[in-house]
Amino acid sequence: MEAAEALAVVVRALRRRKGFAQENLITIDRSYWGRIERGEVNITIDVLIRLAALMEVEPASLILMATSLQSNEPFGESLKRVSKQMNRIRKESVDQEMESMARAGKLPPGRPVRSDAARKAAEANRLSSAGVSVSEIAERLELSRSTVRRYLQTSAPERP
């Protein structure tokens, strides 16, 4: 069973158990709601949050129920597994890191800079100055050729 199909079963069961008709759930277009309940669409996290609000459950509950169904795992076992993971996350202070990042504001676009990026950029420039090809630099430093080119371009002196 695909994830969208598992979520469809969960959403349909919750809607029916609550006694809601698709027509009553006005924050999501009725035809789109039907496609969700038939497992025909992969929804965004924003739609997942709206679905959860309409069903009066946490978005994480929808995901847990759907993944439990998808993997044929009893719901109680899924709940125990997630509870253990959340405790481990708390012990590793990931929650504090997330809160700190959220307070800092919007994250910069793209991937985070690797801790050894400055060293590799300097080494790429040194090798290039010594006449080593981009392909050879990439191989030696275990980087892609495009990364090597970017390192060389960003450190190249500006021309008038």
N, C-alpha and C. Protein backbone atom coordinates (compact mmCIF):
# COMPACT_ATOMS: atom_id res chain seq x y z
N MET A 1 0.85 -1.18 0.00
CA MET A 1 0.00 0.00 0.00
C MET A 1 0.89 1.24 0.00
N GLU A 2 0.60 2.14 -0.90
CA GLU A 2 1.34 3.40 -0.98
C GLU A 2 0.97 4.31 0.19
N ALA A 3 1.84 5.27 0.50
CA ALA A 3 1.60 6.19 1.61
C ALA A 3 0.31 6.98 1.41
N ALA A 4 0.07 7.46 0.19
CA ALA A 4 -1.14 8.24 -0.08
C ALA A 4 -2.40 7.39 0.13
N GLU A 5 -2.32 6.10 -0.22
CA GLU A 5 -3.46 5.21 -0.01
C GLU A 5 -3.70 4.96 1.48
N ALA A 6 -2.62 4.79 2.23
CA ALA A 6 -2.76 4.59 3.68
C ALA A 6 -3.36 5.82 4.33
N LEU A 7 -2.89 6.99 3.95
CA LEU A 7 -3.44 8.22 4.49
C LEU A 7 -4.91 8.36 4.11
N ALA A 8 -5.25 7.94 2.90
CA ALA A 8 -6.65 8.00 2.44
C ALA A 8 -7.55 7.18 3.36
N VAL A 9 -7.11 5.99 3.72
CA VAL A 9 -7.91 5.13 4.60
C VAL A 9 -8.10 5.80 5.96
N VAL A 10 -7.02 6.38 6.49
CA VAL A 10 -7.06 7.05 7.79
C VAL A 10 -8.02 8.24 7.75
N VAL A 11 -7.86 9.09 6.75
CA VAL A 11 -8.69 10.30 6.65
C VAL A 11 -10.16 9.93 6.47
N ARG A 12 -10.43 8.96 5.61
CA ARG A 12 -11.81 8.54 5.37
C ARG A 12 -12.43 7.97 6.66
N ALA A 13 -11.67 7.14 7.38
CA ALA A 13 -12.18 6.55 8.62
C ALA A 13 -12.46 7.63 9.66
N LEU A 14 -11.55 8.57 9.81
CA LEU A 14 -11.77 9.65 10.78
C LEU A 14 -12.98 10.50 10.39
N ARG A 15 -13.09 10.84 9.11
CA ARG A 15 -14.21 11.67 8.67
C ARG A 15 -15.54 10.96 8.94
N ARG A 16 -15.60 9.68 8.60
CA ARG A 16 -16.84 8.92 8.80
C ARG A 16 -17.17 8.79 10.29
N ARG A 17 -16.13 8.51 11.10
CA ARG A 17 -16.34 8.34 12.54
C ARG A 17 -16.84 9.63 13.17
N LYS A 18 -16.41 10.77 12.64
CA LYS A 18 -16.86 12.07 13.14
C LYS A 18 -18.23 12.43 12.59
N GLY A 19 -18.71 11.70 11.58
CA GLY A 19 -20.02 11.97 10.99
C GLY A 19 -20.02 13.14 10.03
N PHE A 20 -18.84 13.49 9.51
CA PHE A 20 -18.74 14.61 8.57
C PHE A 20 -18.97 14.12 7.15
N ALA A 21 -19.61 14.98 6.35
CA ALA A 21 -19.71 14.75 4.92
C ALA A 21 -18.63 15.60 4.26
N GLN A 22 -18.15 15.19 3.10
CA GLN A 22 -17.13 15.95 2.41
C GLN A 22 -17.58 17.39 2.17
N GLU A 23 -18.86 17.57 1.93
CA GLU A 23 -19.39 18.89 1.64
C GLU A 23 -19.26 19.84 2.84
N ASN A 24 -19.21 19.28 4.06
CA ASN A 24 -19.13 20.10 5.27
C ASN A 24 -17.71 20.58 5.56
N LEU A 25 -16.74 20.05 4.89
CA LEU A 25 -15.34 20.38 5.16
C LEU A 25 -14.88 21.43 4.15
N ILE A 26 -15.32 22.65 4.36
CA ILE A 26 -15.18 23.69 3.36
C ILE A 26 -13.78 24.26 3.19
N THR A 27 -12.87 23.99 4.11
CA THR A 27 -11.53 24.57 3.96
C THR A 27 -10.69 23.82 2.92
N ILE A 28 -11.19 22.69 2.47
CA ILE A 28 -10.52 21.93 1.40
C ILE A 28 -11.55 21.66 0.31
N ASP A 29 -11.20 21.98 -0.91
CA ASP A 29 -12.10 21.78 -2.05
C ASP A 29 -12.62 20.35 -2.06
N ARG A 30 -13.91 20.20 -2.30
CA ARG A 30 -14.55 18.88 -2.25
C ARG A 30 -13.94 17.88 -3.22
N SER A 31 -13.62 18.31 -4.43
CA SER A 31 -13.04 17.37 -5.39
C SER A 31 -11.64 16.96 -4.96
N TYR A 32 -10.90 17.92 -4.38
CA TYR A 32 -9.56 17.61 -3.88
C TYR A 32 -9.66 16.66 -2.69
N TRP A 33 -10.64 16.91 -1.82
CA TRP A 33 -10.86 16.03 -0.68
C TRP A 33 -11.12 14.60 -1.17
N GLY A 34 -11.95 14.48 -2.20
CA GLY A 34 -12.24 13.16 -2.77
C GLY A 34 -10.98 12.47 -3.29
N ARG A 35 -10.13 13.23 -3.95
CA ARG A 35 -8.87 12.66 -4.46
C ARG A 35 -7.96 12.23 -3.30
N ILE A 36 -7.98 12.99 -2.20
CA ILE A 36 -7.20 12.60 -1.02
C ILE A 36 -7.73 11.28 -0.49
N GLU A 37 -9.05 11.18 -0.35
CA GLU A 37 -9.66 9.96 0.21
C GLU A 37 -9.54 8.75 -0.72
N ARG A 38 -9.27 8.97 -1.97
CA ARG A 38 -9.03 7.85 -2.89
C ARG A 38 -7.54 7.54 -3.02
N GLY A 39 -6.69 8.31 -2.33
CA GLY A 39 -5.25 8.08 -2.38
C GLY A 39 -4.64 8.46 -3.72
N GLU A 40 -5.25 9.41 -4.41
CA GLU A 40 -4.79 9.80 -5.74
C GLU A 40 -3.78 10.93 -5.73
N VAL A 41 -3.58 11.58 -4.57
CA VAL A 41 -2.67 12.72 -4.50
C VAL A 41 -1.73 12.58 -3.31
N ASN A 42 -0.54 13.12 -3.48
CA ASN A 42 0.38 13.28 -2.37
C ASN A 42 0.20 14.70 -1.88
N ILE A 43 -0.18 14.85 -0.64
CA ILE A 43 -0.51 16.17 -0.12
C ILE A 43 0.71 16.87 0.46
N THR A 44 0.62 18.18 0.56
CA THR A 44 1.68 18.98 1.18
C THR A 44 1.49 18.94 2.69
N ILE A 45 2.50 19.37 3.39
CA ILE A 45 2.40 19.43 4.86
C ILE A 45 1.34 20.44 5.28
N ASP A 46 1.17 21.51 4.51
CA ASP A 46 0.13 22.49 4.83
C ASP A 46 -1.26 21.86 4.76
N VAL A 47 -1.50 21.04 3.75
CA VAL A 47 -2.80 20.36 3.63
C VAL A 47 -2.95 19.34 4.75
N LEU A 48 -1.86 18.65 5.10
CA LEU A 48 -1.90 17.69 6.20
C LEU A 48 -2.32 18.38 7.50
N ILE A 49 -1.78 19.55 7.73
CA ILE A 49 -2.11 20.31 8.95
C ILE A 49 -3.58 20.72 8.94
N ARG A 50 -4.09 21.14 7.78
CA ARG A 50 -5.51 21.50 7.68
C ARG A 50 -6.40 20.28 7.88
N LEU A 51 -6.01 19.14 7.29
CA LEU A 51 -6.77 17.90 7.48
C LEU A 51 -6.85 17.54 8.95
N ALA A 52 -5.70 17.61 9.62
CA ALA A 52 -5.65 17.26 11.04
C ALA A 52 -6.55 18.18 11.86
N ALA A 53 -6.52 19.47 11.56
CA ALA A 53 -7.37 20.41 12.29
C ALA A 53 -8.85 20.07 12.08
N LEU A 54 -9.21 19.76 10.86
CA LEU A 54 -10.61 19.40 10.58
C LEU A 54 -11.02 18.13 11.31
N MET A 55 -10.09 17.19 11.43
CA MET A 55 -10.40 15.92 12.09
C MET A 55 -10.16 15.96 13.59
N GLU A 56 -9.68 17.13 14.07
CA GLU A 56 -9.43 17.36 15.49
C GLU A 56 -8.40 16.38 16.07
N VAL A 57 -7.32 16.18 15.30
CA VAL A 57 -6.18 15.36 15.74
C VAL A 57 -4.89 16.09 15.39
N GLU A 58 -3.81 15.66 15.96
CA GLU A 58 -2.51 16.23 15.63
C GLU A 58 -2.06 15.71 14.26
N PRO A 59 -1.37 16.54 13.47
CA PRO A 59 -0.85 16.06 12.18
C PRO A 59 0.03 14.82 12.33
N ALA A 60 0.82 14.79 13.40
CA ALA A 60 1.68 13.63 13.65
C ALA A 60 0.86 12.35 13.82
N SER A 61 -0.35 12.48 14.38
CA SER A 61 -1.22 11.31 14.55
C SER A 61 -1.65 10.75 13.21
N LEU A 62 -1.97 11.66 12.27
CA LEU A 62 -2.35 11.19 10.93
C LEU A 62 -1.21 10.42 10.28
N ILE A 63 -0.01 10.96 10.41
CA ILE A 63 1.16 10.31 9.80
C ILE A 63 1.42 8.98 10.49
N LEU A 64 1.36 8.96 11.81
CA LEU A 64 1.60 7.71 12.55
C LEU A 64 0.59 6.64 12.18
N MET A 65 -0.69 7.02 12.10
CA MET A 65 -1.72 6.05 11.74
C MET A 65 -1.50 5.52 10.32
N ALA A 66 -1.17 6.43 9.40
CA ALA A 66 -0.97 6.02 8.00
C ALA A 66 0.26 5.12 7.86
N THR A 67 1.37 5.46 8.51
CA THR A 67 2.57 4.63 8.39
C THR A 67 2.38 3.29 9.09
N SER A 68 1.64 3.28 10.18
CA SER A 68 1.32 2.04 10.87
C SER A 68 0.51 1.12 9.95
N LEU A 69 -0.48 1.68 9.31
CA LEU A 69 -1.31 0.93 8.38
C LEU A 69 -0.49 0.44 7.19
N GLN A 70 0.36 1.32 6.66
CA GLN A 70 1.17 0.99 5.50
C GLN A 70 2.13 -0.17 5.79
N SER A 71 2.69 -0.20 6.99
CA SER A 71 3.68 -1.23 7.32
C SER A 71 3.05 -2.44 8.01
N ASN A 72 1.73 -2.47 8.10
CA ASN A 72 1.01 -3.57 8.76
C ASN A 72 1.48 -3.76 10.20
N GLU A 73 1.79 -2.66 10.87
CA GLU A 73 2.22 -2.70 12.25
C GLU A 73 1.05 -2.27 13.13
N PRO A 74 0.79 -2.99 14.21
CA PRO A 74 -0.30 -2.54 15.10
C PRO A 74 -0.04 -1.11 15.57
N PHE A 75 -1.09 -0.34 15.67
CA PHE A 75 -0.97 1.06 16.03
C PHE A 75 -0.25 1.24 17.36
N GLY A 76 -0.55 0.39 18.34
CA GLY A 76 0.09 0.48 19.65
C GLY A 76 1.61 0.31 19.56
N GLU A 77 2.07 -0.59 18.68
CA GLU A 77 3.51 -0.80 18.50
C GLU A 77 4.15 0.43 17.87
N SER A 78 3.46 1.02 16.90
CA SER A 78 3.98 2.24 16.27
C SER A 78 4.10 3.35 17.30
N LEU A 79 3.11 3.45 18.14
CA LEU A 79 3.11 4.48 19.18
C LEU A 79 4.27 4.29 20.15
N LYS A 80 4.54 3.06 20.55
CA LYS A 80 5.67 2.77 21.45
C LYS A 80 6.99 3.14 20.78
N ARG A 81 7.13 2.77 19.52
CA ARG A 81 8.37 3.04 18.78
C ARG A 81 8.62 4.55 18.67
N VAL A 82 7.59 5.30 18.34
CA VAL A 82 7.73 6.75 18.21
C VAL A 82 8.01 7.38 19.57
N SER A 83 7.38 6.89 20.61
CA SER A 83 7.62 7.41 21.95
C SER A 83 9.08 7.23 22.35
N LYS A 84 9.65 6.07 22.05
CA LYS A 84 11.08 5.82 22.34
C LYS A 84 11.96 6.78 21.54
N GLN A 85 11.60 7.00 20.26
CA GLN A 85 12.38 7.91 19.43
C GLN A 85 12.31 9.34 19.96
N MET A 86 11.15 9.76 20.39
CA MET A 86 11.00 11.12 20.92
C MET A 86 11.81 11.29 22.21
N ASN A 87 11.83 10.26 23.06
CA ASN A 87 12.65 10.33 24.27
C ASN A 87 14.13 10.44 23.93
N ARG A 88 14.58 9.67 22.92
CA ARG A 88 15.97 9.74 22.49
C ARG A 88 16.30 11.12 21.92
N ILE A 89 15.38 11.69 21.16
CA ILE A 89 15.57 13.02 20.59
C ILE A 89 15.70 14.05 21.71
N ARG A 90 14.88 13.91 22.74
CA ARG A 90 14.95 14.83 23.87
C ARG A 90 16.29 14.69 24.59
N LYS A 91 16.75 13.46 24.79
CA LYS A 91 18.03 13.22 25.46
C LYS A 91 19.19 13.81 24.67
N GLU A 92 19.09 13.76 23.36
CA GLU A 92 20.15 14.29 22.49
C GLU A 92 20.03 15.80 22.30
N SER A 93 19.06 16.42 22.94
CA SER A 93 18.82 17.87 22.89
C SER A 93 18.51 18.39 21.49
N VAL A 94 17.98 17.54 20.63
CA VAL A 94 17.59 17.99 19.30
C VAL A 94 16.46 19.00 19.39
N ASP A 95 15.57 18.81 20.35
CA ASP A 95 14.47 19.76 20.52
C ASP A 95 14.98 21.15 20.87
N GLN A 96 16.01 21.23 21.69
CA GLN A 96 16.59 22.52 22.04
C GLN A 96 17.27 23.16 20.83
N GLU A 97 17.93 22.35 20.02
CA GLU A 97 18.58 22.85 18.81
C GLU A 97 17.53 23.41 17.85
N MET A 98 16.42 22.70 17.70
CA MET A 98 15.35 23.17 16.82
C MET A 98 14.78 24.49 17.31
N GLU A 99 14.54 24.59 18.62
CA GLU A 99 14.00 25.83 19.18
C GLU A 99 14.97 26.99 18.98
N SER A 100 16.25 26.71 19.15
CA SER A 100 17.26 27.74 18.96
C SER A 100 17.28 28.22 17.51
N MET A 101 17.19 27.28 16.56
CA MET A 101 17.18 27.62 15.15
C MET A 101 15.93 28.42 14.80
N ALA A 102 14.79 28.04 15.37
CA ALA A 102 13.54 28.75 15.09
C ALA A 102 13.60 30.17 15.63
N ARG A 103 14.18 30.36 16.81
CA ARG A 103 14.31 31.70 17.39
C ARG A 103 15.25 32.57 16.57
N ALA A 104 16.24 31.94 15.94
CA ALA A 104 17.23 32.70 15.16
C ALA A 104 16.63 33.28 13.89
N GLY A 105 15.50 32.77 13.47
CA GLY A 105 14.85 33.30 12.27
C GLY A 105 14.96 32.36 11.10
N LYS A 106 14.71 32.90 9.94
CA LYS A 106 14.68 32.13 8.71
C LYS A 106 16.06 31.55 8.40
N LEU A 107 16.07 30.29 8.05
CA LEU A 107 17.33 29.63 7.71
C LEU A 107 17.81 30.08 6.34
N PRO A 108 19.12 30.15 6.16
CA PRO A 108 19.63 30.53 4.84
C PRO A 108 19.29 29.44 3.82
N PRO A 109 19.11 29.83 2.56
CA PRO A 109 18.76 28.83 1.54
C PRO A 109 19.93 27.90 1.27
N GLY A 110 19.61 26.74 0.72
CA GLY A 110 20.64 25.79 0.33
C GLY A 110 21.08 24.90 1.48
N ARG A 111 22.05 24.07 1.16
CA ARG A 111 22.59 23.16 2.16
C ARG A 111 23.49 23.90 3.13
N PRO A 112 23.59 23.39 4.37
CA PRO A 112 24.52 24.04 5.30
C PRO A 112 25.96 23.85 4.83
N VAL A 113 26.80 24.80 5.17
CA VAL A 113 28.21 24.73 4.78
C VAL A 113 28.88 23.62 5.57
N ARG A 114 29.66 22.80 4.89
CA ARG A 114 30.39 21.74 5.56
C ARG A 114 31.50 22.35 6.39
N SER A 115 31.82 21.70 7.49
CA SER A 115 32.82 22.25 8.39
C SER A 115 34.20 22.33 7.76
N ASP A 116 34.48 21.49 6.77
CA ASP A 116 35.79 21.50 6.13
C ASP A 116 35.80 22.24 4.80
N ALA A 117 34.74 22.99 4.52
CA ALA A 117 34.62 23.66 3.22
C ALA A 117 35.72 24.69 3.00
N ALA A 118 36.04 25.48 4.01
CA ALA A 118 37.07 26.51 3.85
C ALA A 118 38.43 25.88 3.57
N ARG A 119 38.73 24.81 4.27
CA ARG A 119 40.01 24.12 4.05
C ARG A 119 40.08 23.54 2.64
N LYS A 120 38.98 22.92 2.20
CA LYS A 120 38.97 22.32 0.85
C LYS A 120 39.02 23.40 -0.23
N ALA A 121 38.37 24.54 0.01
CA ALA A 121 38.42 25.64 -0.96
C ALA A 121 39.85 26.16 -1.10
N ALA A 122 40.53 26.31 0.03
CA ALA A 122 41.93 26.77 0.00
C ALA A 122 42.82 25.76 -0.71
N GLU A 123 42.60 24.49 -0.44
CA GLU A 123 43.39 23.44 -1.09
C GLU A 123 43.10 23.39 -2.59
N ALA A 124 41.86 23.58 -2.97
CA ALA A 124 41.49 23.60 -4.39
C ALA A 124 42.21 24.74 -5.10
N ASN A 125 42.26 25.91 -4.47
CA ASN A 125 42.95 27.06 -5.05
C ASN A 125 44.46 26.80 -5.16
N ARG A 126 45.03 26.19 -4.14
CA ARG A 126 46.46 25.89 -4.17
C ARG A 126 46.79 24.92 -5.30
N LEU A 127 45.96 23.87 -5.44
CA LEU A 127 46.18 22.88 -6.49
C LEU A 127 45.99 23.50 -7.88
N SER A 128 44.97 24.36 -8.01
CA SER A 128 44.73 25.02 -9.29
C SER A 128 45.91 25.90 -9.67
N SER A 129 46.46 26.62 -8.69
CA SER A 129 47.63 27.48 -8.95
C SER A 129 48.84 26.65 -9.38
N ALA A 130 48.85 25.39 -8.92
CA ALA A 130 49.96 24.50 -9.29
C ALA A 130 49.71 23.83 -10.64
N GLY A 131 48.59 24.17 -11.29
CA GLY A 131 48.32 23.64 -12.63
C GLY A 131 47.54 22.34 -12.65
N VAL A 132 46.98 21.92 -11.52
CA VAL A 132 46.21 20.67 -11.46
C VAL A 132 44.83 20.94 -12.06
N SER A 133 44.32 20.00 -12.85
CA SER A 133 43.02 20.17 -13.52
C SER A 133 41.88 20.09 -12.51
N VAL A 134 40.74 20.64 -12.90
CA VAL A 134 39.54 20.62 -12.06
C VAL A 134 39.14 19.17 -11.74
N SER A 135 39.21 18.31 -12.74
CA SER A 135 38.84 16.90 -12.52
C SER A 135 39.74 16.24 -11.49
N GLU A 136 41.03 16.51 -11.59
CA GLU A 136 41.99 15.92 -10.65
C GLU A 136 41.78 16.48 -9.24
N ILE A 137 41.52 17.79 -9.14
CA ILE A 137 41.26 18.41 -7.84
C ILE A 137 40.02 17.77 -7.21
N ALA A 138 38.98 17.62 -8.01
CA ALA A 138 37.74 17.02 -7.52
C ALA A 138 37.99 15.62 -6.99
N GLU A 139 38.78 14.85 -7.72
CA GLU A 139 39.07 13.48 -7.30
C GLU A 139 39.88 13.47 -6.01
N ARG A 140 40.91 14.29 -5.94
CA ARG A 140 41.78 14.33 -4.74
C ARG A 140 41.03 14.78 -3.50
N LEU A 141 40.16 15.77 -3.66
CA LEU A 141 39.46 16.33 -2.50
C LEU A 141 38.09 15.68 -2.25
N GLU A 142 37.75 14.71 -3.09
CA GLU A 142 36.46 14.01 -2.99
C GLU A 142 35.29 14.99 -3.06
N LEU A 143 35.35 15.85 -4.07
CA LEU A 143 34.31 16.84 -4.33
C LEU A 143 33.80 16.65 -5.75
N SER A 144 32.68 17.26 -6.06
CA SER A 144 32.21 17.26 -7.44
C SER A 144 32.99 18.33 -8.21
N ARG A 145 33.06 18.18 -9.51
CA ARG A 145 33.75 19.19 -10.34
C ARG A 145 33.06 20.55 -10.22
N SER A 146 31.72 20.55 -10.12
CA SER A 146 31.02 21.83 -10.00
C SER A 146 31.35 22.52 -8.68
N THR A 147 31.54 21.76 -7.61
CA THR A 147 31.93 22.36 -6.34
C THR A 147 33.33 22.96 -6.44
N VAL A 148 34.24 22.24 -7.09
CA VAL A 148 35.60 22.75 -7.28
C VAL A 148 35.55 24.04 -8.09
N ARG A 149 34.78 24.06 -9.17
CA ARG A 149 34.66 25.26 -10.00
C ARG A 149 34.10 26.43 -9.18
N ARG A 150 33.12 26.15 -8.34
CA ARG A 150 32.55 27.20 -7.50
C ARG A 150 33.59 27.73 -6.51
N TYR A 151 34.36 26.83 -5.91
CA TYR A 151 35.43 27.26 -5.00
C TYR A 151 36.43 28.15 -5.73
N LEU A 152 36.80 27.75 -6.94
CA LEU A 152 37.79 28.51 -7.69
C LEU A 152 37.22 29.85 -8.15
N GLN A 153 35.95 29.86 -8.51
CA GLN A 153 35.32 31.09 -9.01
C GLN A 153 35.12 32.11 -7.88
N THR A 154 34.69 31.65 -6.71
CA THR A 154 34.41 32.58 -5.61
C THR A 154 35.67 33.17 -5.01
N SER A 155 36.80 32.48 -5.20
CA SER A 155 38.04 33.02 -4.63
C SER A 155 38.91 33.69 -5.68
N ALA A 156 38.45 33.67 -6.94
CA ALA A 156 39.24 34.31 -8.00
C ALA A 156 39.22 35.82 -7.81
N PRO A 157 40.36 36.49 -8.02
CA PRO A 157 40.38 37.94 -7.89
C PRO A 157 39.50 38.59 -8.96
N GLU A 158 38.84 39.69 -8.56
CA GLU A 158 37.98 40.39 -9.50
C GLU A 158 38.82 41.12 -10.55
N ARG A 159 38.34 41.10 -11.77
CA ARG A 159 39.02 41.78 -12.87
C ARG A 159 38.34 43.11 -13.15
N PRO A 160 39.12 44.17 -13.42
CA PRO A 160 38.50 45.48 -13.71
C PRO A 160 37.77 45.50 -15.02
